[in-house]
Amino acid sequence: MKFVIRPSYWPIGGMPRKSDPFTWIVKGRLAASWWPDLPVLEIYKKEGISVIIN
């Protein structure tokens, strides 16, 4: 079973609304994200990303 650990002050649906997320992807190689949530991780999987830098 997969558990997502997040601070109690985060909304259940994802990252805090006050933050501006950033994401960049080098297709098939790596990605960097500010607070990657499950939908973002699915994008990475689709793009062939195997390394995520947070």
PDB file of N, CA and C in Angstrom:
ATOM      1  N   MET A   1       0.840  -1.178   0.000  1.00  0.00           N
ATOM      2  CA  MET A   1       0.000   0.000   0.000  1.00  0.00           C
ATOM      3  C   MET A   1       0.885   1.241   0.000  1.00  0.00           C
ATOM      4  N   LYS A   2       0.528   2.211  -0.814  1.00  0.00           N
ATOM      5  CA  LYS A   2       1.327   3.423  -0.940  1.00  0.00           C
ATOM      6  C   LYS A   2       0.732   4.529  -0.073  1.00  0.00           C
ATOM      7  N   PHE A   3       1.562   5.139   0.753  1.00  0.00           N
ATOM      8  CA  PHE A   3       1.137   6.245   1.597  1.00  0.00           C
ATOM      9  C   PHE A   3       1.831   7.517   1.141  1.00  0.00           C
ATOM     10  N   VAL A   4       1.079   8.609   1.059  1.00  0.00           N
ATOM     11  CA  VAL A   4       1.644   9.905   0.720  1.00  0.00           C
ATOM     12  C   VAL A   4       1.798  10.679   2.020  1.00  0.00           C
ATOM     13  N   ILE A   5       3.008  11.140   2.277  1.00  0.00           N
ATOM     14  CA  ILE A   5       3.268  11.906   3.488  1.00  0.00           C
ATOM     15  C   ILE A   5       3.327  13.379   3.114  1.00  0.00           C
ATOM     16  N   ARG A   6       2.515  14.169   3.757  1.00  0.00           N
ATOM     17  CA  ARG A   6       2.529  15.604   3.499  1.00  0.00           C
ATOM     18  C   ARG A   6       2.229  16.342   4.796  1.00  0.00           C
ATOM     19  N   PRO A   7       2.705  17.582   4.911  1.00  0.00           N
ATOM     20  CA  PRO A   7       2.427  18.358   6.127  1.00  0.00           C
ATOM     21  C   PRO A   7       0.923  18.521   6.343  1.00  0.00           C
ATOM     22  N   SER A   8       0.520  18.605   7.587  1.00  0.00           N
ATOM     23  CA  SER A   8      -0.907  18.700   7.918  1.00  0.00           C
ATOM     24  C   SER A   8      -1.553  19.982   7.395  1.00  0.00           C
ATOM     25  N   TYR A   9      -0.754  21.009   7.116  1.00  0.00           N
ATOM     26  CA  TYR A   9      -1.322  22.273   6.644  1.00  0.00           C
ATOM     27  C   TYR A   9      -1.557  22.284   5.138  1.00  0.00           C
ATOM     28  N   TRP A  10      -1.147  21.244   4.417  1.00  0.00           N
ATOM     29  CA  TRP A  10      -1.402  21.177   2.976  1.00  0.00           C
ATOM     30  C   TRP A  10      -2.839  20.763   2.728  1.00  0.00           C
ATOM     31  N   PRO A  11      -3.458  21.300   1.670  1.00  0.00           N
ATOM     32  CA  PRO A  11      -4.786  20.823   1.293  1.00  0.00           C
ATOM     33  C   PRO A  11      -4.717  19.358   0.864  1.00  0.00           C
ATOM     34  N   ILE A  12      -5.801  18.635   1.046  1.00  0.00           N
ATOM     35  CA  ILE A  12      -5.825  17.221   0.672  1.00  0.00           C
ATOM     36  C   ILE A  12      -5.546  17.050  -0.816  1.00  0.00           C
ATOM     37  N   GLY A  13      -6.004  17.982  -1.651  1.00  0.00           N
ATOM     38  CA  GLY A  13      -5.861  17.859  -3.097  1.00  0.00           C
ATOM     39  C   GLY A  13      -4.491  18.158  -3.658  1.00  0.00           C
ATOM     40  N   GLY A  14      -3.532  18.605  -2.862  1.00  0.00           N
ATOM     41  CA  GLY A  14      -2.219  18.875  -3.424  1.00  0.00           C
ATOM     42  C   GLY A  14      -1.475  19.986  -2.728  1.00  0.00           C
ATOM     43  N   MET A  15      -0.596  20.611  -3.485  1.00  0.00           N
ATOM     44  CA  MET A  15       0.290  21.613  -2.914  1.00  0.00           C
ATOM     45  C   MET A  15      -0.482  22.842  -2.441  1.00  0.00           C
ATOM     46  N   PRO A  16       0.111  23.617  -1.551  1.00  0.00           N
ATOM     47  CA  PRO A  16      -0.554  24.835  -1.075  1.00  0.00           C
ATOM     48  C   PRO A  16      -0.924  25.766  -2.222  1.00  0.00           C
ATOM     49  N   ARG A  17      -2.083  26.344  -2.139  1.00  0.00           N
ATOM     50  CA  ARG A  17      -2.584  27.225  -3.210  1.00  0.00           C
ATOM     51  C   ARG A  17      -1.793  28.528  -3.310  1.00  0.00           C
ATOM     52  N   LYS A  18      -1.130  28.923  -2.253  1.00  0.00           N
ATOM     53  CA  LYS A  18      -0.397  30.190  -2.260  1.00  0.00           C
ATOM     54  C   LYS A  18       0.945  30.084  -2.972  1.00  0.00           C
ATOM     55  N   SER A  19       1.374  28.899  -3.289  1.00  0.00           N
ATOM     56  CA  SER A  19       2.690  28.706  -3.894  1.00  0.00           C
ATOM     57  C   SER A  19       2.588  28.655  -5.410  1.00  0.00           C
ATOM     58  N   ASP A  20       3.615  29.129  -6.063  1.00  0.00           N
ATOM     59  CA  ASP A  20       3.712  28.996  -7.510  1.00  0.00           C
ATOM     60  C   ASP A  20       4.582  27.785  -7.802  1.00  0.00           C
ATOM     61  N   PRO A  21       4.001  26.717  -8.365  1.00  0.00           N
ATOM     62  CA  PRO A  21       4.801  25.541  -8.649  1.00  0.00           C
ATOM     63  C   PRO A  21       5.752  25.802  -9.807  1.00  0.00           C
ATOM     64  N   PHE A  22       6.866  25.125  -9.821  1.00  0.00           N
ATOM     65  CA  PHE A  22       7.704  25.134 -11.008  1.00  0.00           C
ATOM     66  C   PHE A  22       8.007  23.694 -11.354  1.00  0.00           C
ATOM     67  N   THR A  23       8.120  23.443 -12.622  1.00  0.00           N
ATOM     68  CA  THR A  23       8.443  22.110 -13.109  1.00  0.00           C
ATOM     69  C   THR A  23       9.237  22.262 -14.389  1.00  0.00           C
ATOM     70  N   TRP A  24      10.314  21.527 -14.511  1.00  0.00           N
ATOM     71  CA  TRP A  24      10.965  21.415 -15.802  1.00  0.00           C
ATOM     72  C   TRP A  24      11.342  19.972 -16.015  1.00  0.00           C
ATOM     73  N   ILE A  25      11.331  19.580 -17.277  1.00  0.00           N
ATOM     74  CA  ILE A  25      11.550  18.186 -17.642  1.00  0.00           C
ATOM     75  C   ILE A  25      12.579  18.118 -18.758  1.00  0.00           C
ATOM     76  N   VAL A  26      13.552  17.233 -18.605  1.00  0.00           N
ATOM     77  CA  VAL A  26      14.415  16.835 -19.703  1.00  0.00           C
ATOM     78  C   VAL A  26      13.879  15.473 -20.112  1.00  0.00           C
ATOM     79  N   LYS A  27      13.157  15.414 -21.238  1.00  0.00           N
ATOM     80  CA  LYS A  27      12.418  14.206 -21.607  1.00  0.00           C
ATOM     81  C   LYS A  27      13.300  12.968 -21.577  1.00  0.00           C
ATOM     82  N   GLY A  28      12.763  11.933 -20.939  1.00  0.00           N
ATOM     83  CA  GLY A  28      13.455  10.654 -20.856  1.00  0.00           C
ATOM     84  C   GLY A  28      14.619  10.632 -19.892  1.00  0.00           C
ATOM     85  N   ARG A  29      14.848  11.740 -19.157  1.00  0.00           N
ATOM     86  CA  ARG A  29      16.006  11.787 -18.271  1.00  0.00           C
ATOM     87  C   ARG A  29      15.673  12.160 -16.845  1.00  0.00           C
ATOM     88  N   LEU A  30      15.377  13.447 -16.608  1.00  0.00           N
ATOM     89  CA  LEU A  30      15.138  13.878 -15.234  1.00  0.00           C
ATOM     90  C   LEU A  30      14.168  15.041 -15.198  1.00  0.00           C
ATOM     91  N   ALA A  31      13.718  15.362 -13.987  1.00  0.00           N
ATOM     92  CA  ALA A  31      12.783  16.470 -13.792  1.00  0.00           C
ATOM     93  C   ALA A  31      13.075  17.133 -12.457  1.00  0.00           C
ATOM     94  N   ALA A  32      12.683  18.388 -12.356  1.00  0.00           N
ATOM     95  CA  ALA A  32      12.768  19.103 -11.081  1.00  0.00           C
ATOM     96  C   ALA A  32      11.400  19.712 -10.815  1.00  0.00           C
ATOM     97  N   SER A  33      10.997  19.684  -9.577  1.00  0.00           N
ATOM     98  CA  SER A  33       9.677  20.182  -9.215  1.00  0.00           C
ATOM     99  C   SER A  33       9.699  20.797  -7.843  1.00  0.00           C
ATOM    100  N   TRP A  34       8.790  21.702  -7.639  1.00  0.00           N
ATOM    101  CA  TRP A  34       8.536  22.237  -6.311  1.00  0.00           C
ATOM    102  C   TRP A  34       7.277  21.544  -5.828  1.00  0.00           C
ATOM    103  N   TRP A  35       7.371  20.704  -4.817  1.00  0.00           N
ATOM    104  CA  TRP A  35       6.261  19.922  -4.277  1.00  0.00           C
ATOM    105  C   TRP A  35       5.561  19.084  -5.339  1.00  0.00           C
ATOM    106  N   PRO A  36       6.221  18.094  -5.923  1.00  0.00           N
ATOM    107  CA  PRO A  36       5.524  17.270  -6.921  1.00  0.00           C
ATOM    108  C   PRO A  36       4.420  16.439  -6.268  1.00  0.00           C
ATOM    109  N   ASP A  37       3.214  16.558  -6.770  1.00  0.00           N
ATOM    110  CA  ASP A  37       2.075  15.783  -6.295  1.00  0.00           C
ATOM    111  C   ASP A  37       1.821  14.629  -7.261  1.00  0.00           C
ATOM    112  N   LEU A  38       0.906  13.746  -6.904  1.00  0.00           N
ATOM    113  CA  LEU A  38       0.650  12.556  -7.705  1.00  0.00           C
ATOM    114  C   LEU A  38       0.336  12.858  -9.172  1.00  0.00           C
ATOM    115  N   PRO A  39      -0.483  13.868  -9.510  1.00  0.00           N
ATOM    116  CA  PRO A  39      -0.717  14.147 -10.932  1.00  0.00           C
ATOM    117  C   PRO A  39       0.567  14.537 -11.669  1.00  0.00           C
ATOM    118  N   VAL A  40       1.442  15.264 -10.994  1.00  0.00           N
ATOM    119  CA  VAL A  40       2.722  15.651 -11.600  1.00  0.00           C
ATOM    120  C   VAL A  40       3.594  14.415 -11.795  1.00  0.00           C
ATOM    121  N   LEU A  41       3.607  13.530 -10.817  1.00  0.00           N
ATOM    122  CA  LEU A  41       4.390  12.301 -10.935  1.00  0.00           C
ATOM    123  C   LEU A  41       3.890  11.436 -12.088  1.00  0.00           C
ATOM    124  N   GLU A  42       2.594  11.450 -12.350  1.00  0.00           N
ATOM    125  CA  GLU A  42       2.047  10.706 -13.491  1.00  0.00           C
ATOM    126  C   GLU A  42       2.559  11.296 -14.812  1.00  0.00           C
ATOM    127  N   ILE A  43       2.660  12.621 -14.886  1.00  0.00           N
ATOM    128  CA  ILE A  43       3.218  13.265 -16.085  1.00  0.00           C
ATOM    129  C   ILE A  43       4.660  12.817 -16.276  1.00  0.00           C
ATOM    130  N   TYR A  44       5.422  12.800 -15.191  1.00  0.00           N
ATOM    131  CA  TYR A  44       6.815  12.364 -15.279  1.00  0.00           C
ATOM    132  C   TYR A  44       6.905  10.932 -15.784  1.00  0.00           C
ATOM    133  N   LYS A  45       6.053  10.067 -15.278  1.00  0.00           N
ATOM    134  CA  LYS A  45       6.053   8.666 -15.707  1.00  0.00           C
ATOM    135  C   LYS A  45       5.774   8.581 -17.206  1.00  0.00           C
ATOM    136  N   LYS A  46       4.793   9.359 -17.678  1.00  0.00           N
ATOM    137  CA  LYS A  46       4.435   9.380 -19.096  1.00  0.00           C
ATOM    138  C   LYS A  46       5.602   9.871 -19.955  1.00  0.00           C
ATOM    139  N   GLU A  47       6.379  10.818 -19.426  1.00  0.00           N
ATOM    140  CA  GLU A  47       7.499  11.392 -20.166  1.00  0.00           C
ATOM    141  C   GLU A  47       8.780  10.564 -20.047  1.00  0.00           C
ATOM    142  N   GLY A  48       8.726   9.450 -19.310  1.00  0.00           N
ATOM    143  CA  GLY A  48       9.895   8.586 -19.183  1.00  0.00           C
ATOM    144  C   GLY A  48      10.924   9.084 -18.190  1.00  0.00           C
ATOM    145  N   ILE A  49      10.488   9.869 -17.213  1.00  0.00           N
ATOM    146  CA  ILE A  49      11.397  10.425 -16.216  1.00  0.00           C
ATOM    147  C   ILE A  49      11.715   9.368 -15.172  1.00  0.00           C
ATOM    148  N   SER A  50      13.003   9.192 -14.884  1.00  0.00           N
ATOM    149  CA  SER A  50      13.386   8.217 -13.864  1.00  0.00           C
ATOM    150  C   SER A  50      14.039   8.876 -12.653  1.00  0.00           C
ATOM    151  N   VAL A  51      14.388  10.160 -12.754  1.00  0.00           N
ATOM    152  CA  VAL A  51      14.992  10.888 -11.640  1.00  0.00           C
ATOM    153  C   VAL A  51      14.179  12.151 -11.406  1.00  0.00           C
ATOM    154  N   ILE A  52      13.791  12.379 -10.151  1.00  0.00           N
ATOM    155  CA  ILE A  52      13.055  13.592  -9.793  1.00  0.00           C
ATOM    156  C   ILE A  52      13.845  14.323  -8.724  1.00  0.00           C
ATOM    157  N   ILE A  53      14.134  15.596  -8.963  1.00  0.00           N
ATOM    158  CA  ILE A  53      14.849  16.435  -8.005  1.00  0.00           C
ATOM    159  C   ILE A  53      13.822  17.346  -7.365  1.00  0.00           C
ATOM    160  N   ASN A  54      13.753  17.302  -6.052  1.00  0.00           N
ATOM    161  CA  ASN A  54      12.785  18.144  -5.360  1.00  0.00           C
ATOM    162  C   ASN A  54      13.536  19.226  -4.622  1.00  0.00           C
TER     163      ASN A  54
END
